[in-house]
PDB file of N, CA and C in Angstrom:
ATOM      1  N   MET A   1     -15.238  67.821  27.692  1.00  0.00           N
ATOM      2  CA  MET A   1     -13.408  68.161  28.437  1.00  0.00           C
ATOM      3  C   MET A   1     -12.947  69.709  29.637  1.00  0.00           C
ATOM      4  N   PRO A   2     -12.548  69.584  30.406  1.00  0.00           N
ATOM      5  CA  PRO A   2     -12.315  70.588  30.784  1.00  0.00           C
ATOM      6  C   PRO A   2     -11.717  71.485  30.105  1.00  0.00           C
ATOM      7  N   HIS A   3     -12.000  73.139  30.741  1.00  0.00           N
ATOM      8  CA  HIS A   3     -10.593  73.688  30.333  1.00  0.00           C
ATOM      9  C   HIS A   3      -8.997  73.925  30.727  1.00  0.00           C
ATOM     10  N   LEU A   4      -7.849  73.363  30.425  1.00  0.00           N
ATOM     11  CA  LEU A   4      -6.812  73.941  31.960  1.00  0.00           C
ATOM     12  C   LEU A   4      -6.430  74.619  31.080  1.00  0.00           C
ATOM     13  N   SER A   5      -5.935  74.884  32.354  1.00  0.00           N
ATOM     14  CA  SER A   5      -5.265  76.482  32.139  1.00  0.00           C
ATOM     15  C   SER A   5      -4.198  76.461  31.966  1.00  0.00           C
ATOM     16  N   PRO A   6      -3.062  77.600  31.059  1.00  0.00           N
ATOM     17  CA  PRO A   6      -1.235  77.626  30.654  1.00  0.00           C
ATOM     18  C   PRO A   6      -0.930  76.906  31.657  1.00  0.00           C
ATOM     19  N   MET A   7      -0.810  77.459  32.935  1.00  0.00           N
ATOM     20  CA  MET A   7      -0.048  76.467  34.356  1.00  0.00           C
ATOM     21  C   MET A   7      -0.460  74.693  34.174  1.00  0.00           C
ATOM     22  N   ASN A   8      -1.681  74.520  33.866  1.00  0.00           N
ATOM     23  CA  ASN A   8      -1.518  73.587  34.197  1.00  0.00           C
ATOM     24  C   ASN A   8      -0.897  72.605  32.850  1.00  0.00           C
ATOM     25  N   TRP A   9      -1.289  72.730  32.250  1.00  0.00           N
ATOM     26  CA  TRP A   9      -0.397  72.229  30.831  1.00  0.00           C
ATOM     27  C   TRP A   9       0.489  72.553  30.598  1.00  0.00           C
ATOM     28  N   LEU A  10       1.572  73.176  31.314  1.00  0.00           N
ATOM     29  CA  LEU A  10       3.191  73.794  31.726  1.00  0.00           C
ATOM     30  C   LEU A  10       3.205  72.059  32.648  1.00  0.00           C
ATOM     31  N   MET A  11       2.716  72.585  33.946  1.00  0.00           N
ATOM     32  CA  MET A  11       2.767  70.663  34.879  1.00  0.00           C
ATOM     33  C   MET A  11       2.562  69.675  33.709  1.00  0.00           C
ATOM     34  N   ALA A  12       1.481  69.721  33.149  1.00  0.00           N
ATOM     35  CA  ALA A  12       1.191  68.206  32.394  1.00  0.00           C
ATOM     36  C   ALA A  12       2.404  67.942  31.418  1.00  0.00           C
ATOM     37  N   ILE A  13       2.827  68.801  30.647  1.00  0.00           N
ATOM     38  CA  ILE A  13       3.677  68.689  29.741  1.00  0.00           C
ATOM     39  C   ILE A  13       5.652  68.052  31.026  1.00  0.00           C
ATOM     40  N   LEU A  14       5.401  69.609  31.813  1.00  0.00           N
ATOM     41  CA  LEU A  14       6.966  69.018  32.407  1.00  0.00           C
ATOM     42  C   LEU A  14       6.652  67.273  32.966  1.00  0.00           C
ATOM     43  N   SER A  15       5.292  67.588  33.366  1.00  0.00           N
ATOM     44  CA  SER A  15       5.286  65.504  33.757  1.00  0.00           C
ATOM     45  C   SER A  15       5.752  64.816  32.836  1.00  0.00           C
ATOM     46  N   PHE A  16       4.719  64.548  31.837  1.00  0.00           N
ATOM     47  CA  PHE A  16       5.580  63.646  31.390  1.00  0.00           C
ATOM     48  C   PHE A  16       6.856  63.820  30.156  1.00  0.00           C
ATOM     49  N   TRP A  17       7.089  64.565  30.341  1.00  0.00           N
ATOM     50  CA  TRP A  17       8.187  64.439  29.660  1.00  0.00           C
ATOM     51  C   TRP A  17       9.314  63.764  31.003  1.00  0.00           C
ATOM     52  N   LEU A  18       9.672  64.415  31.660  1.00  0.00           N
ATOM     53  CA  LEU A  18      10.243  64.215  33.557  1.00  0.00           C
ATOM     54  C   LEU A  18       9.599  62.680  32.937  1.00  0.00           C
ATOM     55  N   ILE A  19       8.860  61.630  32.863  1.00  0.00           N
ATOM     56  CA  ILE A  19       8.158  60.443  32.923  1.00  0.00           C
ATOM     57  C   ILE A  19       9.037  59.845  31.548  1.00  0.00           C
ATOM     58  N   ILE A  20       8.755  60.824  30.185  1.00  0.00           N
ATOM     59  CA  ILE A  20       9.142  60.005  29.018  1.00  0.00           C
ATOM     60  C   ILE A  20      11.310  60.011  29.169  1.00  0.00           C
ATOM     61  N   SER A  21      11.609  61.293  30.321  1.00  0.00           N
ATOM     62  CA  SER A  21      13.137  60.930  30.690  1.00  0.00           C
ATOM     63  C   SER A  21      13.657  59.146  31.177  1.00  0.00           C
ATOM     64  N   LEU A  22      12.949  59.579  32.202  1.00  0.00           N
ATOM     65  CA  LEU A  22      12.937  58.753  33.158  1.00  0.00           C
ATOM     66  C   LEU A  22      13.222  56.969  32.636  1.00  0.00           C
ATOM     67  N   ILE A  23      11.608  57.616  31.646  1.00  0.00           N
ATOM     68  CA  ILE A  23      11.743  55.482  30.916  1.00  0.00           C
ATOM     69  C   ILE A  23      13.377  55.817  30.326  1.00  0.00           C
ATOM     70  N   MET A  24      13.127  56.492  29.336  1.00  0.00           N
ATOM     71  CA  MET A  24      14.545  56.046  28.748  1.00  0.00           C
ATOM     72  C   MET A  24      15.723  56.254  28.862  1.00  0.00           C
ATOM     73  N   SER A  25      15.758  56.488  29.657  1.00  0.00           N
ATOM     74  CA  SER A  25      17.257  56.073  31.102  1.00  0.00           C
ATOM     75  C   SER A  25      17.430  54.847  31.295  1.00  0.00           C
ATOM     76  N   SER A  26      16.060  55.114  32.171  1.00  0.00           N
ATOM     77  CA  SER A  26      16.229  53.469  32.739  1.00  0.00           C
ATOM     78  C   SER A  26      16.639  52.230  31.332  1.00  0.00           C
ATOM     79  N   ASN A  27      15.563  52.399  30.261  1.00  0.00           N
ATOM     80  CA  ASN A  27      15.666  51.451  29.157  1.00  0.00           C
ATOM     81  C   ASN A  27      17.836  52.142  28.551  1.00  0.00           C
ATOM     82  N   TRP A  28      18.160  53.034  28.751  1.00  0.00           N
ATOM     83  CA  TRP A  28      19.304  53.038  28.268  1.00  0.00           C
ATOM     84  C   TRP A  28      20.044  52.110  29.248  1.00  0.00           C
ATOM     85  N   TRP A  29      20.135  52.097  30.721  1.00  0.00           N
ATOM     86  CA  TRP A  29      20.758  51.896  31.785  1.00  0.00           C
ATOM     87  C   TRP A  29      20.944  50.237  31.637  1.00  0.00           C
ATOM     88  N   SER A  30      19.773  49.999  31.381  1.00  0.00           N
ATOM     89  CA  SER A  30      19.450  48.224  31.152  1.00  0.00           C
ATOM     90  C   SER A  30      19.797  47.708  29.554  1.00  0.00           C
ATOM     91  N   GLN A  31      20.261  48.698  28.853  1.00  0.00           N
ATOM     92  CA  GLN A  31      20.864  47.909  27.610  1.00  0.00           C
ATOM     93  C   GLN A  31      22.099  47.819  27.463  1.00  0.00           C
ATOM     94  N   SER A  32      22.913  48.469  28.338  1.00  0.00           N
ATOM     95  CA  SER A  32      24.471  49.217  28.069  1.00  0.00           C
ATOM     96  C   SER A  32      24.875  48.512  29.373  1.00  0.00           C
ATOM     97  N   ASN A  33      23.856  47.491  30.574  1.00  0.00           N
ATOM     98  CA  ASN A  33      24.762  46.957  31.635  1.00  0.00           C
ATOM     99  C   ASN A  33      23.858  44.994  30.694  1.00  0.00           C
ATOM    100  N   SER A  34      23.083  44.443  30.471  1.00  0.00           N
ATOM    101  CA  SER A  34      22.754  43.593  29.124  1.00  0.00           C
ATOM    102  C   SER A  34      22.291  43.543  28.060  1.00  0.00           C
ATOM    103  N   PHE A  35      23.469  43.563  27.346  1.00  0.00           N
ATOM    104  CA  PHE A  35      23.557  43.367  25.396  1.00  0.00           C
ATOM    105  C   PHE A  35      21.936  42.653  25.422  1.00  0.00           C
ATOM    106  N   SER A  36      22.441  41.318  25.773  1.00  0.00           N
ATOM    107  CA  SER A  36      21.412  40.104  25.161  1.00  0.00           C
ATOM    108  C   SER A  36      20.055  40.322  25.055  1.00  0.00           C
ATOM    109  N   CYS A  37      18.828  41.134  25.491  1.00  0.00           N
ATOM    110  CA  CYS A  37      17.972  40.953  25.210  1.00  0.00           C
ATOM    111  C   CYS A  37      17.098  41.829  25.513  1.00  0.00           C
ATOM    112  N   PRO A  38      17.619  43.204  24.846  1.00  0.00           N
ATOM    113  CA  PRO A  38      17.118  44.775  24.812  1.00  0.00           C
ATOM    114  C   PRO A  38      15.304  44.705  25.246  1.00  0.00           C
ATOM    115  N   LYS A  39      14.859  44.175  24.326  1.00  0.00           N
ATOM    116  CA  LYS A  39      12.637  44.197  25.038  1.00  0.00           C
ATOM    117  C   LYS A  39      12.903  43.403  26.082  1.00  0.00           C
ATOM    118  N   LEU A  40      14.012  42.416  26.304  1.00  0.00           N
ATOM    119  CA  LEU A  40      12.804  42.295  27.727  1.00  0.00           C
ATOM    120  C   LEU A  40      13.721  43.026  29.166  1.00  0.00           C
ATOM    121  N   SER A  41      14.844  43.984  28.490  1.00  0.00           N
ATOM    122  CA  SER A  41      15.597  44.854  30.472  1.00  0.00           C
ATOM    123  C   SER A  41      14.444  45.906  29.820  1.00  0.00           C
ATOM    124  N   SER A  42      14.409  46.272  28.626  1.00  0.00           N
ATOM    125  CA  SER A  42      13.423  47.405  28.962  1.00  0.00           C
ATOM    126  C   SER A  42      11.509  46.983  29.461  1.00  0.00           C
ATOM    127  N   SER A  43      11.204  46.154  28.889  1.00  0.00           N
ATOM    128  CA  SER A  43       9.713  45.754  29.995  1.00  0.00           C
ATOM    129  C   SER A  43      10.268  46.084  31.565  1.00  0.00           C
ATOM    130  N   LYS A  44      11.498  45.069  31.246  1.00  0.00           N
ATOM    131  CA  LYS A  44      11.416  44.906  33.318  1.00  0.00           C
ATOM    132  C   LYS A  44      11.715  46.669  33.251  1.00  0.00           C
ATOM    133  N   SER A  45      12.724  47.448  33.048  1.00  0.00           N
ATOM    134  CA  SER A  45      12.517  48.930  33.117  1.00  0.00           C
ATOM    135  C   SER A  45      11.518  49.523  33.486  1.00  0.00           C
ATOM    136  N   LEU A  46      10.508  49.425  32.844  1.00  0.00           N
ATOM    137  CA  LEU A  46       9.160  49.743  32.896  1.00  0.00           C
ATOM    138  C   LEU A  46       8.417  49.338  34.435  1.00  0.00           C
ATOM    139  N   SER A  47       8.389  48.298  34.063  1.00  0.00           N
ATOM    140  CA  SER A  47       7.421  47.889  35.132  1.00  0.00           C
ATOM    141  C   SER A  47       8.372  48.920  36.760  1.00  0.00           C
ATOM    142  N   LYS A  48       9.491  48.545  36.598  1.00  0.00           N
ATOM    143  CA  LYS A  48      10.176  48.915  37.693  1.00  0.00           C
ATOM    144  C   LYS A  48       9.414  50.202  38.082  1.00  0.00           C
ATOM    145  N   SER A  49       9.738  51.469  37.145  1.00  0.00           N
ATOM    146  CA  SER A  49       9.315  52.778  37.250  1.00  0.00           C
ATOM    147  C   SER A  49       7.783  52.518  37.584  1.00  0.00           C
ATOM    148  N   TRP A  50       7.385  52.115  36.982  1.00  0.00           N
ATOM    149  CA  TRP A  50       5.669  51.776  37.534  1.00  0.00           C
ATOM    150  C   TRP A  50       5.418  51.388  38.782  1.00  0.00           C
ATOM    151  N   ASN A  51       6.291  50.653  39.355  1.00  0.00           N
ATOM    152  CA  ASN A  51       5.870  50.143  40.447  1.00  0.00           C
ATOM    153  C   ASN A  51       6.690  51.037  41.233  1.00  0.00           C
ATOM    154  N   TRP A  52       7.522  52.137  41.029  1.00  0.00           N
ATOM    155  CA  TRP A  52       7.586  53.461  41.819  1.00  0.00           C
ATOM    156  C   TRP A  52       6.828  54.882  41.694  1.00  0.00           C
TER     157      TRP A  52
END
């Protein structure tokens, strides 16, 4: 496993949290817009974010 510099660690952590926050916000939007099936809507938003 290659050694990562602190800057690379920072970028990896930042990008990780950015993706997490994007998924959480899209899940929140889909759940607030359609309360019927949160699991289905969250999987839809997940596939949308991955296609982006």
